[in-house]
Amino acid sequence: MPKVAKSETEIWARIIRPERNGLSPEAARSLLELTFSAEDVARMNELAQKNRDGLLTRQERQELADYVRVGDALSLIHLKARKSLTR
């Protein structure tokens, strides 16, 4: 029976396969440069504080969840890039 995805991050992990190398050094370095902008970091911090204070609106809760999902995928991409540079 096929493995059923439990989360969006698990689906991305099966696509990206961070445990495998296979990227050229140039590609790996380029992927490691992908990051959130200063504005996004500030917004994430704002949303996180509002979350801790229990003040998030439904829309803000969704926005924070979106940032978390993108961050998870970015972490997998960075992991694969770092793994490729250590081969």
Protein backbone atom coordinates (compact mmCIF):
# COMPACT_ATOMS: atom_id res chain seq x y z
CA MET A 1 0.00 0.00 0.00
CA PRO A 2 1.44 3.44 -0.88
CA LYS A 3 2.54 5.73 1.91
CA VAL A 4 -0.04 8.43 2.51
CA ALA A 5 1.20 11.98 2.97
CA LYS A 6 0.70 13.29 6.46
CA SER A 7 1.74 16.82 5.70
CA GLU A 8 2.73 19.15 2.93
CA THR A 9 6.30 19.04 4.26
CA GLU A 10 6.42 15.26 3.89
CA ILE A 11 5.30 15.55 0.28
CA TRP A 12 8.03 18.12 -0.40
CA ALA A 13 10.59 15.89 1.33
CA ARG A 14 9.74 13.02 -1.02
CA ILE A 15 10.09 15.34 -4.03
CA ILE A 16 13.28 17.11 -2.94
CA ARG A 17 14.93 14.06 -1.33
CA PRO A 18 17.27 16.07 0.88
CA GLU A 19 19.23 12.96 1.87
CA ARG A 20 20.56 12.66 -1.68
CA ASN A 21 23.15 14.88 -3.25
CA GLY A 22 23.12 15.39 -6.98
CA LEU A 23 23.29 19.14 -7.37
CA SER A 24 26.27 20.83 -8.95
CA PRO A 25 28.23 23.06 -6.53
CA GLU A 26 27.01 26.12 -8.41
CA ALA A 27 23.38 25.04 -8.18
CA ALA A 28 23.75 24.19 -4.50
CA ARG A 29 25.27 27.59 -3.71
CA SER A 30 22.49 29.33 -5.63
CA LEU A 31 19.82 27.45 -3.69
CA LEU A 32 21.48 28.39 -0.40
CA GLU A 33 21.03 32.04 -1.35
CA LEU A 34 17.25 31.62 -1.38
CA THR A 35 15.92 33.23 1.77
CA PHE A 36 13.10 35.31 3.16
CA SER A 37 13.34 39.05 2.60
CA ALA A 38 13.80 41.40 5.54
CA GLU A 39 10.16 42.43 5.14
CA ASP A 40 9.01 38.82 5.34
CA VAL A 41 11.13 38.18 8.44
CA ALA A 42 9.64 41.26 10.09
CA ARG A 43 6.12 40.10 9.19
CA MET A 44 6.79 36.59 10.51
CA ASN A 45 8.07 38.06 13.78
CA GLU A 46 4.99 40.28 14.03
CA LEU A 47 2.67 37.34 13.40
CA ALA A 48 4.57 35.14 15.86
CA GLN A 49 4.23 37.78 18.58
CA LYS A 50 0.53 38.20 17.91
CA ASN A 51 0.19 34.41 18.03
CA ARG A 52 1.93 34.27 21.42
CA ASP A 53 -0.41 36.99 22.64
CA GLY A 54 -3.45 35.15 21.28
CA LEU A 55 -4.38 38.04 18.99
CA LEU A 56 -4.20 36.51 15.49
CA THR A 57 -7.15 36.90 13.18
CA ARG A 58 -8.18 33.91 11.06
CA GLN A 59 -6.48 35.50 8.03
CA GLU A 60 -3.26 36.12 10.00
CA ARG A 61 -3.29 32.54 11.30
CA GLN A 62 -3.44 31.33 7.69
CA GLU A 63 -0.66 33.73 6.70
CA LEU A 64 1.53 32.43 9.53
CA ALA A 65 0.81 28.84 8.49
CA ASP A 66 1.80 29.74 4.92
CA TYR A 67 5.11 31.15 6.14
CA VAL A 68 5.74 27.99 8.15
CA ARG A 69 5.07 25.75 5.13
CA VAL A 70 7.32 27.81 2.87
CA GLY A 71 10.01 27.79 5.56
CA ASP A 72 9.76 24.00 5.86
CA ALA A 73 10.19 23.58 2.10
CA LEU A 74 13.07 26.06 2.07
CA SER A 75 14.76 24.11 4.87
CA LEU A 76 14.54 20.91 2.81
CA ILE A 77 16.01 22.67 -0.23
CA HIS A 78 18.86 24.06 1.88
CA LEU A 79 19.50 20.63 3.39
CA LYS A 80 19.79 19.10 -0.06
CA ALA A 81 22.10 21.90 -1.19
CA ARG A 82 24.38 21.50 1.86
CA LYS A 83 24.43 17.72 1.36
CA SER A 84 25.45 18.23 -2.28
CA LEU A 85 28.33 20.49 -1.26
CA THR A 86 29.74 17.88 1.14
CA ARG A 87 30.07 15.05 -1.36
